Protein backbone atom coordinates (compact mmCIF):
# COMPACT_ATOMS: atom_id res chain seq x y z
CA MET A 1 -7.46 14.73 39.13
CA THR A 2 -8.20 16.01 42.70
CA VAL A 3 -8.36 20.35 42.69
CA ILE A 4 -5.28 19.86 44.85
CA GLU A 5 -3.46 17.76 41.89
CA MET A 6 -4.49 20.78 39.10
CA LYS A 7 -2.29 23.24 40.65
CA PRO A 8 0.85 23.83 39.66
CA VAL A 9 3.72 21.75 41.85
CA ARG A 10 5.25 24.63 44.15
CA GLU A 11 2.00 25.99 44.75
CA ARG A 12 0.97 22.64 46.45
CA ILE A 13 3.77 22.15 48.22
CA LEU A 14 3.47 26.05 49.55
CA ASP A 15 -0.57 25.46 49.93
CA THR A 16 0.26 22.26 52.54
CA ALA A 17 3.06 24.25 53.82
CA MET A 18 1.00 27.20 54.57
CA ASN A 19 -1.98 24.89 56.29
CA ARG A 20 0.62 22.51 57.86
CA TYR A 21 3.10 25.16 59.88
CA TYR A 22 0.01 27.42 61.07
CA VAL A 23 -1.65 24.07 62.39
CA ASP A 24 0.90 22.14 63.95
CA GLY A 25 3.88 24.40 63.78
CA ILE A 26 6.70 24.65 61.61
CA ARG A 27 8.96 22.99 63.82
CA ALA A 28 6.96 19.63 64.42
CA VAL A 29 6.04 18.87 60.93
CA SER A 30 8.59 16.89 58.48
CA ALA A 31 9.26 17.21 54.99
CA ASP A 32 8.19 13.62 54.81
CA ALA A 33 4.90 14.59 56.11
CA LEU A 34 4.60 17.80 53.55
CA ILE A 35 5.63 15.48 50.46
CA ALA A 36 3.23 12.51 51.14
CA GLU A 37 0.14 15.16 51.51
CA ALA A 38 1.26 17.52 48.29
CA ARG A 39 0.88 14.24 46.61
CA VAL A 40 5.41 14.87 45.35
CA SER A 41 7.80 13.30 45.15
CA LYS A 42 11.19 14.00 47.50
CA ALA A 43 13.25 14.92 44.37
CA THR A 44 10.15 17.38 42.99
CA PHE A 45 9.73 18.46 46.62
CA TYR A 46 13.42 19.13 46.84
CA ARG A 47 13.84 20.30 43.84
CA HIS A 48 11.74 22.97 44.37
CA PHE A 49 12.55 23.63 47.99
CA PRO A 50 16.32 22.70 48.75
CA HIS A 51 15.87 23.03 52.60
CA LYS A 52 13.36 23.45 55.04
CA ASP A 53 14.01 26.74 55.60
CA ASP A 54 13.40 27.54 51.56
CA LEU A 55 10.11 26.53 52.02
CA VAL A 56 9.90 28.22 55.83
CA ILE A 57 11.17 31.61 54.10
CA ALA A 58 8.87 31.26 51.49
CA TYR A 59 5.39 30.16 53.81
CA LEU A 60 6.27 33.96 55.98
CA GLU A 61 6.95 35.48 52.88
CA LEU A 62 2.96 34.72 51.36
CA GLN A 63 1.73 35.34 54.67
CA SER A 64 2.81 38.66 54.54
CA ALA A 65 1.81 39.60 51.13
CA THR A 66 -0.85 38.30 51.99
CA GLU A 67 -1.76 40.27 55.31
CA GLN A 68 -0.47 43.58 52.81
CA ASP A 69 -2.29 42.89 50.21
CA SER A 70 -5.73 43.19 52.02
CA ILE A 71 -4.40 46.27 54.07
CA GLN A 72 -4.19 48.00 51.40
CA GLU A 73 -7.26 46.80 49.66
CA GLN A 74 -8.96 48.13 52.90
CA ARG A 75 -6.97 51.44 52.42
CA ALA A 76 -8.04 51.68 48.38
CA ALA A 77 -11.43 50.75 49.52
CA HIS A 78 -11.69 53.80 51.78
CA PRO A 79 -9.62 56.60 51.06
CA GLY A 80 -9.48 59.73 53.21
CA ASP A 81 -10.87 57.43 56.02
CA PRO A 82 -8.10 56.05 58.08
CA ALA A 83 -10.51 55.02 60.84
CA ALA A 84 -12.90 52.92 59.25
CA VAL A 85 -9.16 50.90 57.72
CA LEU A 86 -8.42 50.37 61.86
CA THR A 87 -11.61 49.36 62.59
CA TRP A 88 -12.19 47.13 59.73
CA TYR A 89 -8.85 45.36 60.77
CA ALA A 90 -10.09 45.38 64.13
CA ASP A 91 -13.72 43.16 62.79
CA THR A 92 -10.49 41.18 61.06
CA ILE A 93 -8.56 40.04 64.22
CA GLY A 94 -12.26 39.66 65.79
CA ALA A 95 -13.38 37.00 63.38
CA PHE A 96 -9.99 35.73 62.76
CA GLY A 97 -9.22 34.91 66.45
CA CYS A 98 -12.10 33.34 66.68
CA SER A 99 -12.55 31.12 63.84
CA PRO A 100 -12.40 27.15 63.91
CA GLY A 101 -8.53 26.21 63.95
CA PHE A 102 -7.22 29.43 64.79
CA ARG A 103 -3.96 29.00 66.06
CA GLY A 104 -2.77 32.74 66.76
CA CYS A 105 -0.83 34.54 65.34
CA PRO A 106 1.36 33.31 62.39
CA PHE A 107 4.21 35.42 62.60
CA ILE A 108 4.34 35.33 66.35
CA ASN A 109 3.69 31.87 65.67
CA ALA A 110 6.71 31.58 63.99
CA ALA A 111 9.35 33.66 65.39
CA ALA A 112 8.84 31.39 68.55
CA GLU A 113 9.91 28.76 67.28
CA LEU A 114 13.12 30.15 65.21
CA SER A 115 15.20 31.36 68.01
CA ASP A 116 17.89 32.32 66.28
CA PRO A 117 17.71 36.90 65.16
CA GLU A 118 19.92 35.82 62.75
CA HIS A 119 17.43 33.36 60.57
CA ARG A 120 15.83 34.58 57.60
CA GLY A 121 12.56 33.49 58.76
CA ARG A 122 12.64 35.40 62.21
CA LYS A 123 14.00 38.80 59.98
CA ILE A 124 10.61 38.39 57.70
CA VAL A 125 8.56 37.93 60.98
CA ALA A 126 10.53 41.62 61.75
CA GLU A 127 10.24 43.01 58.42
CA HIS A 128 6.41 42.09 58.85
CA ARG A 129 6.18 43.54 62.19
CA ALA A 130 7.56 47.30 61.19
CA TRP A 131 5.79 47.28 57.76
CA LEU A 132 2.46 46.84 59.90
CA THR A 133 3.17 48.80 63.14
CA ALA A 134 3.98 51.72 59.88
CA GLN A 135 0.74 51.40 58.48
CA VAL A 136 -1.09 51.68 61.68
CA ALA A 137 1.29 54.65 62.55
CA GLU A 138 0.59 55.91 59.51
CA LEU A 139 -3.70 55.30 59.55
CA LEU A 140 -3.12 56.61 62.78
CA ALA A 141 -0.87 60.28 61.43
CA GLU A 142 -3.84 61.01 59.45
CA MET A 143 -6.55 60.90 61.77
CA GLY A 144 -4.45 63.65 63.36
CA ILE A 145 -3.22 61.86 66.34
CA GLU A 146 -0.11 62.51 68.34
CA ASP A 147 3.00 60.21 68.48
CA ALA A 148 1.36 58.76 66.23
CA VAL A 149 4.56 55.93 65.78
CA LEU A 150 4.47 55.48 69.93
CA ARG A 151 0.37 54.93 69.90
CA ALA A 152 1.05 52.16 66.76
CA ASP A 153 3.63 50.47 69.27
CA HIS A 154 0.44 50.74 71.92
CA LEU A 155 -1.51 49.22 69.21
CA MET A 156 0.24 46.15 68.16
CA MET A 157 0.57 45.26 71.81
CA LEU A 158 -3.21 45.35 71.56
CA ARG A 159 -3.40 43.18 68.51
CA ASP A 160 -1.26 40.39 69.75
CA GLY A 161 -3.65 40.64 72.83
CA ALA A 162 -6.32 40.13 70.66
CA MET A 163 -5.26 37.18 68.90
CA VAL A 164 -4.54 35.33 72.21
CA ALA A 165 -7.70 36.54 73.28
CA GLY A 166 -9.35 34.78 69.97
CA TYR A 167 -6.82 31.67 70.70
CA VAL A 168 -8.46 30.72 74.01
CA GLY A 169 -11.91 31.28 73.40
CA SER A 170 -13.31 34.79 73.51
CA GLU A 171 -16.08 35.00 70.82
CA PRO A 172 -15.46 37.53 68.10
CA ALA A 173 -17.53 40.53 68.48
CA ASP A 174 -16.14 40.61 71.79
CA ILE A 175 -12.71 40.16 70.24
CA SER A 176 -13.81 43.09 67.76
CA SER A 177 -15.26 45.45 70.35
CA SER A 178 -12.68 45.67 72.92
CA LEU A 179 -10.24 46.04 70.69
CA VAL A 180 -11.77 49.18 69.43
CA ALA A 181 -12.76 50.43 72.32
CA ALA A 182 -9.16 49.89 74.22
CA GLY A 183 -7.98 51.59 70.54
CA ARG A 184 -9.99 53.96 71.08
CA THR A 185 -8.67 54.53 74.72
CA LEU A 186 -5.23 54.49 74.25
CA ILE A 187 -5.32 56.90 71.14
CA ALA A 188 -8.59 59.72 73.08
CA ARG A 189 -11.03 59.23 70.06
């Protein structure tokens, strides 16, 4: 029995979707492809995810929870040092943005594919972005930065650009150092 077959079925399906949706796109991946790769029957697949949107929502919720957990872990590891958390985030974007198989921000990609603003997946993307922006604003406020909310919005735009830079081939160290330098200029530190 392979490692993938030892995992609970729902987790196997979701792991497969995490990879395939990120690499190939939500719309490009059929249920049949996920069923074959996860090695489950159609009946089992649809018992766990009756509609493709159910799996898309689970995928986005897991992406969000994973990123939120990482940021909260860093905040706990660096209490009273918001600059360290922001620097870690910039370094992470640099490393992630230049890793093999990088296909951009999964949330931006999902938003591009889910054109209906009322789609639950689009709402998850918006909720995640609002959460992340609020985290950045809170860290900036802890640093004593004026207009923390506005500057957090600007830093999010820089983050989005850094993700694109990674996708088109920049070096991780360049992305990280450029993001940190631009961020410092933006917050005047």
